[in-house]
Structure formats: C-alpha cells, structure tokens
Amino acid sequence: MVKSKGTLEAELSKALTHWEKNYLGRGSVSVKSDILRDMIIVILQGILTQAEYALCQDKEGLLSVKEVRNSLVESGLEDLKEIVLTITGQEVVNFHTDISTQTGERVMVFKLSNDLQSQFS
C-alpha cells in the first residue's frame, strides 16, 4: 500500500524526534515536517536548554550556541540522510539548517534527488 503524504510527514517527524533524543541527548517540544516539491522542511521547536538561552544574552554567547548546535547536527548528517532515505525512498542531495536563538526553533531543509510531492497528486 502506498503511504499518504501526511503519513510520510508524520513518520519523518517521529524519526527525527527519536534521532534527536538518541544522538543529541534530548528532543524538541514539537516537530512538524512538510514535503514540498523536492524538499522536506522540518521545524523543531523548543530545542534550546535554559542554560543556552542564558548564554544567548550577548552576541558572543549567541554565536557560540549557534555554532555548537549546528556542528552537532552536521556531525549526525549521515544518520539524518539515512532516515530520510529509509522513510521516503529518496536520496538527500543537500542539507541546510539554522537555529533561532530567540525562539529556540530549528529549521532543517532536506533537498531530495527527485520531486517527492508529485507522487501524491
């Protein structure tokens, strides 16, 4: 049976939450994944700790938190690519991420080898 777009998005969100908890030591408060053309856009909310928010009060601390958090995610990129491939059958050709130190929200964008959304029309 072919899975729906919503089912794949939910599976991605669940798998990414699981990866966060296992790899980074804690998960986000909420995760929302959206398949858009040849991309998967993931919004993770509530990922910063209280200590990280405190560090972000000045520019030096803010940049440090961003750099460390992005490096941690990048170091697990092969796992993330494997999760996407396993769930969607699509290879990740590019990955972008950033974090807001104001809101504690992370955005991940997985660029896929093909237009995944077109499979659901």
N, C-alpha and C. Protein backbone atom coordinates (compact mmCIF):
# COMPACT_ATOMS: atom_id res chain seq x y z
N MET A 1 0.83 -1.19 0.00
CA MET A 1 0.00 0.00 0.00
C MET A 1 0.88 1.26 0.00
N VAL A 2 0.52 2.21 -0.84
CA VAL A 2 1.26 3.46 -0.93
C VAL A 2 0.87 4.36 0.24
N LYS A 3 1.89 4.89 0.90
CA LYS A 3 1.64 5.77 2.05
C LYS A 3 1.24 7.17 1.57
N SER A 4 0.40 7.83 2.36
CA SER A 4 -0.01 9.19 2.04
C SER A 4 1.11 10.18 2.41
N LYS A 5 0.98 11.38 1.87
CA LYS A 5 1.94 12.45 2.17
C LYS A 5 1.95 12.72 3.67
N GLY A 6 0.76 12.82 4.28
CA GLY A 6 0.65 13.07 5.71
C GLY A 6 1.29 11.99 6.55
N THR A 7 1.14 10.74 6.12
CA THR A 7 1.74 9.61 6.84
C THR A 7 3.26 9.71 6.80
N LEU A 8 3.82 10.01 5.62
CA LEU A 8 5.28 10.14 5.49
C LEU A 8 5.79 11.30 6.35
N GLU A 9 5.06 12.42 6.34
CA GLU A 9 5.48 13.58 7.13
C GLU A 9 5.47 13.24 8.62
N ALA A 10 4.45 12.52 9.06
CA ALA A 10 4.37 12.12 10.47
C ALA A 10 5.50 11.15 10.84
N GLU A 11 5.81 10.21 9.94
CA GLU A 11 6.90 9.26 10.18
C GLU A 11 8.24 9.99 10.26
N LEU A 12 8.44 10.96 9.39
CA LEU A 12 9.68 11.75 9.42
C LEU A 12 9.80 12.50 10.74
N SER A 13 8.73 13.14 11.17
CA SER A 13 8.75 13.89 12.43
C SER A 13 9.08 12.98 13.61
N LYS A 14 8.46 11.81 13.63
CA LYS A 14 8.69 10.86 14.72
C LYS A 14 10.14 10.36 14.71
N ALA A 15 10.65 10.03 13.53
CA ALA A 15 12.02 9.51 13.41
C ALA A 15 13.05 10.58 13.78
N LEU A 16 12.80 11.82 13.39
CA LEU A 16 13.73 12.90 13.71
C LEU A 16 13.73 13.21 15.21
N THR A 17 12.57 13.11 15.84
CA THR A 17 12.49 13.28 17.30
C THR A 17 13.29 12.18 18.00
N HIS A 18 13.13 10.96 17.52
CA HIS A 18 13.86 9.82 18.07
C HIS A 18 15.37 10.03 17.90
N TRP A 19 15.79 10.50 16.70
CA TRP A 19 17.21 10.75 16.45
C TRP A 19 17.74 11.82 17.41
N GLU A 20 16.97 12.89 17.58
CA GLU A 20 17.39 13.97 18.50
C GLU A 20 17.64 13.42 19.90
N LYS A 21 16.69 12.65 20.40
CA LYS A 21 16.82 12.12 21.77
C LYS A 21 18.02 11.20 21.90
N ASN A 22 18.23 10.33 20.91
CA ASN A 22 19.35 9.39 20.98
C ASN A 22 20.70 10.04 20.70
N TYR A 23 20.75 10.94 19.73
CA TYR A 23 22.03 11.49 19.29
C TYR A 23 22.42 12.75 20.06
N LEU A 24 21.44 13.63 20.31
CA LEU A 24 21.73 14.91 20.96
C LEU A 24 21.44 14.89 22.46
N GLY A 25 20.76 13.84 22.93
CA GLY A 25 20.51 13.72 24.35
C GLY A 25 19.18 14.25 24.83
N ARG A 26 18.50 15.00 23.97
CA ARG A 26 17.16 15.48 24.31
C ARG A 26 16.44 15.85 23.02
N GLY A 27 15.12 15.77 23.07
CA GLY A 27 14.34 16.07 21.88
C GLY A 27 13.68 17.43 21.97
N SER A 28 13.08 17.82 20.88
CA SER A 28 12.37 19.09 20.83
C SER A 28 10.98 18.94 21.45
N VAL A 29 10.35 20.06 21.70
CA VAL A 29 9.00 20.06 22.25
C VAL A 29 8.00 19.64 21.17
N SER A 30 8.21 20.12 19.94
CA SER A 30 7.34 19.72 18.83
C SER A 30 8.13 19.72 17.53
N VAL A 31 7.69 18.85 16.61
CA VAL A 31 8.33 18.72 15.30
C VAL A 31 7.24 18.67 14.25
N LYS A 32 7.42 19.43 13.17
CA LYS A 32 6.49 19.41 12.05
C LYS A 32 7.29 19.27 10.78
N SER A 33 6.99 18.23 10.00
CA SER A 33 7.68 18.00 8.72
C SER A 33 6.70 18.23 7.58
N ASP A 34 7.18 18.90 6.53
CA ASP A 34 6.36 19.15 5.34
C ASP A 34 7.14 18.77 4.10
N ILE A 35 6.48 18.02 3.22
CA ILE A 35 7.06 17.66 1.93
C ILE A 35 6.59 18.73 0.94
N LEU A 36 7.55 19.40 0.30
CA LEU A 36 7.25 20.45 -0.67
C LEU A 36 8.15 20.25 -1.88
N ARG A 37 7.55 19.88 -2.99
CA ARG A 37 8.28 19.57 -4.21
C ARG A 37 9.42 18.58 -3.93
N ASP A 38 10.68 19.01 -4.12
CA ASP A 38 11.81 18.11 -3.91
C ASP A 38 12.51 18.41 -2.58
N MET A 39 11.73 18.92 -1.60
CA MET A 39 12.31 19.26 -0.31
C MET A 39 11.46 18.70 0.83
N ILE A 40 12.13 18.47 1.93
CA ILE A 40 11.44 18.19 3.19
C ILE A 40 11.87 19.31 4.13
N ILE A 41 10.89 20.07 4.61
CA ILE A 41 11.15 21.18 5.50
C ILE A 41 10.67 20.77 6.89
N VAL A 42 11.58 20.84 7.85
CA VAL A 42 11.27 20.40 9.21
C VAL A 42 11.45 21.58 10.17
N ILE A 43 10.44 21.81 11.00
CA ILE A 43 10.50 22.85 12.03
C ILE A 43 10.49 22.15 13.38
N LEU A 44 11.54 22.37 14.17
CA LEU A 44 11.65 21.77 15.50
C LEU A 44 11.59 22.90 16.51
N GLN A 45 10.67 22.82 17.45
CA GLN A 45 10.51 23.88 18.44
C GLN A 45 10.94 23.41 19.82
N GLY A 46 11.48 24.36 20.59
CA GLY A 46 11.84 24.07 21.98
C GLY A 46 13.07 23.22 22.13
N ILE A 47 14.11 23.53 21.35
CA ILE A 47 15.29 22.66 21.41
C ILE A 47 16.41 23.20 22.30
N LEU A 48 16.36 24.49 22.64
CA LEU A 48 17.42 25.05 23.48
C LEU A 48 17.14 24.81 24.97
N THR A 49 18.21 24.62 25.71
CA THR A 49 18.09 24.47 27.17
C THR A 49 18.05 25.87 27.81
N GLN A 50 17.68 25.94 29.07
CA GLN A 50 17.68 27.21 29.79
C GLN A 50 19.08 27.80 29.84
N ALA A 51 20.09 26.95 29.99
CA ALA A 51 21.48 27.42 30.02
C ALA A 51 21.87 28.05 28.68
N GLU A 52 21.41 27.45 27.57
CA GLU A 52 21.71 28.01 26.25
C GLU A 52 21.02 29.36 26.06
N TYR A 53 19.77 29.47 26.51
CA TYR A 53 19.09 30.77 26.44
C TYR A 53 19.87 31.83 27.22
N ALA A 54 20.38 31.46 28.39
CA ALA A 54 21.17 32.39 29.21
C ALA A 54 22.43 32.83 28.47
N LEU A 55 23.10 31.88 27.80
CA LEU A 55 24.31 32.20 27.03
C LEU A 55 24.00 33.15 25.88
N CYS A 56 22.81 33.06 25.33
CA CYS A 56 22.44 33.85 24.15
C CYS A 56 22.15 35.32 24.47
N GLN A 57 22.35 35.74 25.70
CA GLN A 57 22.07 37.12 26.09
C GLN A 57 23.06 38.11 25.48
N ASP A 58 24.26 37.63 25.12
CA ASP A 58 25.20 38.52 24.42
C ASP A 58 25.60 37.88 23.10
N LYS A 59 26.15 38.69 22.21
CA LYS A 59 26.44 38.25 20.85
C LYS A 59 27.44 37.08 20.81
N GLU A 60 28.46 37.14 21.65
CA GLU A 60 29.46 36.07 21.68
C GLU A 60 28.83 34.74 22.07
N GLY A 61 27.99 34.75 23.10
CA GLY A 61 27.32 33.54 23.53
C GLY A 61 26.34 33.03 22.49
N LEU A 62 25.62 33.95 21.87
CA LEU A 62 24.66 33.61 20.82
C LEU A 62 25.35 32.88 19.67
N LEU A 63 26.45 33.45 19.20
CA LEU A 63 27.19 32.83 18.09
C LEU A 63 27.76 31.47 18.50
N SER A 64 28.20 31.37 19.73
CA SER A 64 28.74 30.11 20.24
C SER A 64 27.67 29.02 20.26
N VAL A 65 26.48 29.34 20.76
CA VAL A 65 25.39 28.37 20.82
C VAL A 65 25.00 27.93 19.41
N LYS A 66 24.87 28.90 18.49
CA LYS A 66 24.51 28.57 17.10
C LYS A 66 25.55 27.63 16.49
N GLU A 67 26.83 27.97 16.67
CA GLU A 67 27.91 27.18 16.07
C GLU A 67 27.94 25.76 16.63
N VAL A 68 27.85 25.64 17.96
CA VAL A 68 27.90 24.31 18.57
C VAL A 68 26.69 23.47 18.16
N ARG A 69 25.49 24.06 18.23
CA ARG A 69 24.27 23.33 17.87
C ARG A 69 24.29 22.89 16.41
N ASN A 70 24.73 23.78 15.51
CA ASN A 70 24.78 23.42 14.09
C ASN A 70 25.85 22.36 13.84
N SER A 71 26.97 22.44 14.53
CA SER A 71 28.02 21.42 14.38
C SER A 71 27.54 20.06 14.86
N LEU A 72 26.78 20.03 15.95
CA LEU A 72 26.25 18.76 16.45
C LEU A 72 25.32 18.11 15.42
N VAL A 73 24.44 18.91 14.84
CA VAL A 73 23.52 18.36 13.84
C VAL A 73 24.29 17.91 12.60
N GLU A 74 25.23 18.73 12.15
CA GLU A 74 26.02 18.37 10.96
C GLU A 74 26.81 17.07 11.19
N SER A 75 27.26 16.85 12.42
CA SER A 75 28.03 15.64 12.71
C SER A 75 27.16 14.37 12.61
N GLY A 76 25.86 14.54 12.69
CA GLY A 76 24.94 13.40 12.56
C GLY A 76 24.25 13.35 11.21
N LEU A 77 24.78 14.08 10.24
CA LEU A 77 24.13 14.21 8.94
C LEU A 77 23.93 12.88 8.21
N GLU A 78 24.90 11.98 8.31
CA GLU A 78 24.74 10.69 7.62
C GLU A 78 23.54 9.93 8.17
N ASP A 79 23.35 9.98 9.49
CA ASP A 79 22.17 9.34 10.10
C ASP A 79 20.89 10.00 9.59
N LEU A 80 20.88 11.32 9.51
CA LEU A 80 19.70 12.04 9.05
C LEU A 80 19.36 11.68 7.60
N LYS A 81 20.39 11.61 6.76
CA LYS A 81 20.18 11.24 5.35
C LYS A 81 19.60 9.83 5.25
N GLU A 82 20.09 8.92 6.10
CA GLU A 82 19.61 7.54 6.10
C GLU A 82 18.14 7.47 6.54
N ILE A 83 17.77 8.27 7.54
CA ILE A 83 16.38 8.32 7.99
C ILE A 83 15.46 8.73 6.84
N VAL A 84 15.84 9.81 6.14
CA VAL A 84 15.03 10.30 5.02
C VAL A 84 14.95 9.26 3.91
N LEU A 85 16.06 8.64 3.57
CA LEU A 85 16.08 7.61 2.53
C LEU A 85 15.19 6.43 2.89
N THR A 86 15.29 5.97 4.14
CA THR A 86 14.51 4.82 4.59
C THR A 86 13.01 5.10 4.54
N ILE A 87 12.61 6.29 4.97
CA ILE A 87 11.18 6.61 5.04
C ILE A 87 10.60 6.99 3.68
N THR A 88 11.36 7.74 2.89
CA THR A 88 10.80 8.27 1.64
C THR A 88 11.27 7.54 0.38
N GLY A 89 12.40 6.82 0.49
CA GLY A 89 12.98 6.20 -0.69
C GLY A 89 13.75 7.20 -1.54
N GLN A 90 13.90 8.42 -1.04
CA GLN A 90 14.59 9.48 -1.78
C GLN A 90 15.95 9.78 -1.16
N GLU A 91 16.92 10.01 -2.01
CA GLU A 91 18.26 10.36 -1.56
C GLU A 91 18.32 11.86 -1.27
N VAL A 92 19.00 12.23 -0.19
CA VAL A 92 19.23 13.64 0.15
C VAL A 92 20.46 14.11 -0.61
N VAL A 93 20.30 15.17 -1.41
CA VAL A 93 21.43 15.69 -2.17
C VAL A 93 22.03 16.94 -1.53
N ASN A 94 21.26 17.57 -0.62
CA ASN A 94 21.76 18.75 0.06
C ASN A 94 21.00 18.94 1.36
N PHE A 95 21.64 19.58 2.34
CA PHE A 95 21.03 19.78 3.65
C PHE A 95 21.38 21.17 4.16
N HIS A 96 20.38 21.86 4.68
CA HIS A 96 20.58 23.19 5.27
C HIS A 96 19.91 23.22 6.63
N THR A 97 20.51 23.92 7.59
CA THR A 97 19.88 24.06 8.89
C THR A 97 20.29 25.37 9.53
N ASP A 98 19.39 25.88 10.36
CA ASP A 98 19.73 27.05 11.17
C ASP A 98 18.84 27.02 12.41
N ILE A 99 19.26 27.77 13.41
CA ILE A 99 18.53 27.81 14.68
C ILE A 99 18.31 29.27 15.07
N SER A 100 17.14 29.54 15.62
CA SER A 100 16.87 30.86 16.17
C SER A 100 17.17 30.82 17.66
N THR A 101 18.11 31.66 18.08
CA THR A 101 18.44 31.70 19.50
C THR A 101 17.40 32.52 20.26
N GLN A 102 16.52 33.21 19.54
CA GLN A 102 15.44 33.96 20.18
C GLN A 102 14.29 33.04 20.57
N THR A 103 13.91 32.16 19.64
CA THR A 103 12.72 31.31 19.84
C THR A 103 13.05 29.87 20.19
N GLY A 104 14.31 29.47 19.99
CA GLY A 104 14.68 28.07 20.23
C GLY A 104 14.14 27.16 19.16
N GLU A 105 13.89 27.70 17.99
CA GLU A 105 13.35 26.93 16.88
C GLU A 105 14.45 26.62 15.87
N ARG A 106 14.48 25.36 15.41
CA ARG A 106 15.43 24.95 14.36
C ARG A 106 14.65 24.66 13.09
N VAL A 107 15.24 25.06 11.96
CA VAL A 107 14.70 24.71 10.65
C VAL A 107 15.71 23.80 9.97
N MET A 108 15.22 22.69 9.43
CA MET A 108 16.05 21.80 8.63
C MET A 108 15.41 21.70 7.24
N VAL A 109 16.22 21.78 6.21
CA VAL A 109 15.72 21.60 4.85
C VAL A 109 16.56 20.50 4.20
N PHE A 110 15.86 19.43 3.81
CA PHE A 110 16.50 18.33 3.08
C PHE A 110 16.12 18.49 1.61
N LYS A 111 17.11 18.68 0.74
CA LYS A 111 16.87 18.76 -0.70
C LYS A 111 17.03 17.35 -1.24
N LEU A 112 15.98 16.87 -1.92
CA LEU A 112 15.95 15.48 -2.39
C LEU A 112 16.36 15.37 -3.85
N SER A 113 16.67 14.14 -4.26
CA SER A 113 17.09 13.89 -5.64
C SER A 113 15.93 13.99 -6.63
N ASN A 114 14.69 13.86 -6.15
CA ASN A 114 13.51 13.91 -7.02
C ASN A 114 12.38 14.67 -6.35
N ASP A 115 11.37 15.01 -7.14
CA ASP A 115 10.17 15.69 -6.65
C ASP A 115 9.28 14.67 -5.95
N LEU A 116 9.38 14.61 -4.64
CA LEU A 116 8.60 13.65 -3.84
C LEU A 116 7.12 14.03 -3.82
N GLN A 117 6.82 15.32 -3.77
CA GLN A 117 5.43 15.76 -3.69
C GLN A 117 4.61 15.30 -4.88
N SER A 118 5.23 15.23 -6.06
CA SER A 118 4.49 14.85 -7.28
C SER A 118 3.94 13.43 -7.21
N GLN A 119 4.47 12.60 -6.31
CA GLN A 119 3.99 11.23 -6.16
C GLN A 119 2.63 11.17 -5.47
N PHE A 120 2.18 12.30 -4.91
CA PHE A 120 0.93 12.30 -4.13
C PHE A 120 -0.22 13.00 -4.84
N SER A 121 0.00 13.47 -6.10
CA SER A 121 -1.07 14.23 -6.76
C SER A 121 -2.16 13.38 -7.35
